[in-house]
Amino acid sequence: MSDLQARFEQAVVESKQLTSKPDNNTLLQIYSLFKQGSTGDVQGDRPGMMDFVGRAKYDAWAALKGKGQAEAQQAYIDLIASLKARQG
């Protein structure tokens, strides 16, 4: 396992231990960076109009299309670190 992969997996654990819930835009950013960093480009069909949450998550992930997995993992690590720092 690479150092980046290990740090990414540690950031995933730390994201679940945040003491306060981030705002919705930040949550979408966390989700999309996680998916891009772990899976790659968006897959599947875009959810229907009535699935607001699913559609927002899909769109956030689709916006990262073409971003490399390593780049997305580093961005995820940096985002979680900044959220942890804000919480004290």
C-alpha atoms as a PDB file:
ATOM      1  CA  MET A   1       0.000   0.000   0.000  1.00  0.00           C
ATOM      2  CA  SER A   2       1.357   3.404  -0.918  1.00  0.00           C
ATOM      3  CA  ASP A   3       1.839   6.192   1.601  1.00  0.00           C
ATOM      4  CA  LEU A   4      -0.842   8.236  -0.164  1.00  0.00           C
ATOM      5  CA  GLN A   5      -3.328   5.352   0.014  1.00  0.00           C
ATOM      6  CA  ALA A   6      -2.601   4.873   3.728  1.00  0.00           C
ATOM      7  CA  ARG A   7      -3.083   8.608   4.416  1.00  0.00           C
ATOM      8  CA  PHE A   8      -6.310   8.571   2.364  1.00  0.00           C
ATOM      9  CA  GLU A   9      -7.677   5.645   4.372  1.00  0.00           C
ATOM     10  CA  GLN A  10      -6.709   7.391   7.620  1.00  0.00           C
ATOM     11  CA  ALA A  11      -8.511  10.547   6.466  1.00  0.00           C
ATOM     12  CA  VAL A  12     -11.628   8.456   5.770  1.00  0.00           C
ATOM     13  CA  VAL A  13     -11.539   7.223   9.375  1.00  0.00           C
ATOM     14  CA  GLU A  14     -10.972  10.769  10.641  1.00  0.00           C
ATOM     15  CA  SER A  15     -13.865  12.115   8.559  1.00  0.00           C
ATOM     16  CA  LYS A  16     -16.212   9.940  10.602  1.00  0.00           C
ATOM     17  CA  GLN A  17     -14.827  11.380  13.837  1.00  0.00           C
ATOM     18  CA  LEU A  18     -15.451  15.059  13.122  1.00  0.00           C
ATOM     19  CA  THR A  19     -17.119  16.627  16.136  1.00  0.00           C
ATOM     20  CA  SER A  20     -19.432  18.881  14.123  1.00  0.00           C
ATOM     21  CA  LYS A  21     -21.253  18.140  10.892  1.00  0.00           C
ATOM     22  CA  PRO A  22     -19.973  20.151   7.901  1.00  0.00           C
ATOM     23  CA  ASP A  23     -22.411  22.173   5.781  1.00  0.00           C
ATOM     24  CA  ASN A  24     -24.091  20.497   2.803  1.00  0.00           C
ATOM     25  CA  ASN A  25     -21.673  21.893   0.199  1.00  0.00           C
ATOM     26  CA  THR A  26     -18.708  20.591   2.186  1.00  0.00           C
ATOM     27  CA  LEU A  27     -20.411  17.219   2.607  1.00  0.00           C
ATOM     28  CA  LEU A  28     -20.856  17.030  -1.175  1.00  0.00           C
ATOM     29  CA  GLN A  29     -17.198  17.908  -1.629  1.00  0.00           C
ATOM     30  CA  ILE A  30     -16.167  15.188   0.847  1.00  0.00           C
ATOM     31  CA  TYR A  31     -18.390  12.653  -0.919  1.00  0.00           C
ATOM     32  CA  SER A  32     -17.239  13.510  -4.433  1.00  0.00           C
ATOM     33  CA  LEU A  33     -13.535  13.511  -3.539  1.00  0.00           C
ATOM     34  CA  PHE A  34     -13.941  10.191  -1.741  1.00  0.00           C
ATOM     35  CA  LYS A  35     -15.704   8.604  -4.717  1.00  0.00           C
ATOM     36  CA  GLN A  36     -13.214  10.018  -7.237  1.00  0.00           C
ATOM     37  CA  GLY A  37     -10.285   8.977  -5.049  1.00  0.00           C
ATOM     38  CA  SER A  38     -11.565   5.457  -4.447  1.00  0.00           C
ATOM     39  CA  THR A  39     -13.482   4.614  -7.633  1.00  0.00           C
ATOM     40  CA  GLY A  40     -12.439   7.065 -10.342  1.00  0.00           C
ATOM     41  CA  ASP A  41     -14.790   8.820 -12.744  1.00  0.00           C
ATOM     42  CA  VAL A  42     -18.536   8.785 -12.079  1.00  0.00           C
ATOM     43  CA  GLN A  43     -20.398   5.617 -12.990  1.00  0.00           C
ATOM     44  CA  GLY A  44     -24.025   4.721 -13.548  1.00  0.00           C
ATOM     45  CA  ASP A  45     -26.999   6.770 -14.586  1.00  0.00           C
ATOM     46  CA  ARG A  46     -27.855  10.165 -13.143  1.00  0.00           C
ATOM     47  CA  PRO A  47     -30.671   9.822 -10.572  1.00  0.00           C
ATOM     48  CA  GLY A  48     -34.118  11.126 -11.482  1.00  0.00           C
ATOM     49  CA  MET A  49     -35.396  14.621 -10.768  1.00  0.00           C
ATOM     50  CA  MET A  50     -37.196  13.610  -7.576  1.00  0.00           C
ATOM     51  CA  ASP A  51     -34.066  12.118  -5.990  1.00  0.00           C
ATOM     52  CA  PHE A  52     -32.598  15.467  -4.948  1.00  0.00           C
ATOM     53  CA  VAL A  53     -29.860  14.097  -2.698  1.00  0.00           C
ATOM     54  CA  GLY A  54     -28.791  11.367  -5.103  1.00  0.00           C
ATOM     55  CA  ARG A  55     -28.752  13.818  -7.989  1.00  0.00           C
ATOM     56  CA  ALA A  56     -26.661  16.360  -6.037  1.00  0.00           C
ATOM     57  CA  LYS A  57     -24.164  13.664  -5.064  1.00  0.00           C
ATOM     58  CA  TYR A  58     -23.958  12.374  -8.636  1.00  0.00           C
ATOM     59  CA  ASP A  59     -23.463  15.881 -10.024  1.00  0.00           C
ATOM     60  CA  ALA A  60     -20.748  16.691  -7.478  1.00  0.00           C
ATOM     61  CA  TRP A  61     -18.897  13.504  -8.397  1.00  0.00           C
ATOM     62  CA  ALA A  62     -19.410  14.061 -12.140  1.00  0.00           C
ATOM     63  CA  ALA A  63     -17.852  17.541 -11.781  1.00  0.00           C
ATOM     64  CA  LEU A  64     -14.557  15.827 -10.902  1.00  0.00           C
ATOM     65  CA  LYS A  65     -14.494  13.726 -14.087  1.00  0.00           C
ATOM     66  CA  GLY A  66     -10.942  13.418 -15.360  1.00  0.00           C
ATOM     67  CA  LYS A  67      -9.300  14.258 -12.029  1.00  0.00           C
ATOM     68  CA  GLY A  68      -6.746  11.580 -11.221  1.00  0.00           C
ATOM     69  CA  GLN A  69      -7.387   9.291  -8.276  1.00  0.00           C
ATOM     70  CA  ALA A  70      -4.141  10.326  -6.563  1.00  0.00           C
ATOM     71  CA  GLU A  71      -5.021  14.003  -6.965  1.00  0.00           C
ATOM     72  CA  ALA A  72      -8.513  13.404  -5.568  1.00  0.00           C
ATOM     73  CA  GLN A  73      -7.104  11.432  -2.643  1.00  0.00           C
ATOM     74  CA  GLN A  74      -4.713  14.260  -1.773  1.00  0.00           C
ATOM     75  CA  ALA A  75      -7.521  16.831  -2.025  1.00  0.00           C
ATOM     76  CA  TYR A  76      -9.647  14.650   0.284  1.00  0.00           C
ATOM     77  CA  ILE A  77      -6.796  14.374   2.810  1.00  0.00           C
ATOM     78  CA  ASP A  78      -6.285  18.150   2.719  1.00  0.00           C
ATOM     79  CA  LEU A  79     -10.015  18.865   3.128  1.00  0.00           C
ATOM     80  CA  ILE A  80     -10.398  16.565   6.138  1.00  0.00           C
ATOM     81  CA  ALA A  81      -7.255  18.047   7.716  1.00  0.00           C
ATOM     82  CA  SER A  82      -8.646  21.580   7.294  1.00  0.00           C
ATOM     83  CA  LEU A  83     -11.982  20.546   8.829  1.00  0.00           C
ATOM     84  CA  LYS A  84     -10.186  18.953  11.786  1.00  0.00           C
ATOM     85  CA  ALA A  85      -8.090  22.100  12.268  1.00  0.00           C
ATOM     86  CA  ARG A  86     -11.231  24.284  12.364  1.00  0.00           C
ATOM     87  CA  GLN A  87     -12.719  22.126  15.075  1.00  0.00           C
ATOM     88  CA  GLY A  88      -9.804  22.717  17.362  1.00  0.00           C
END
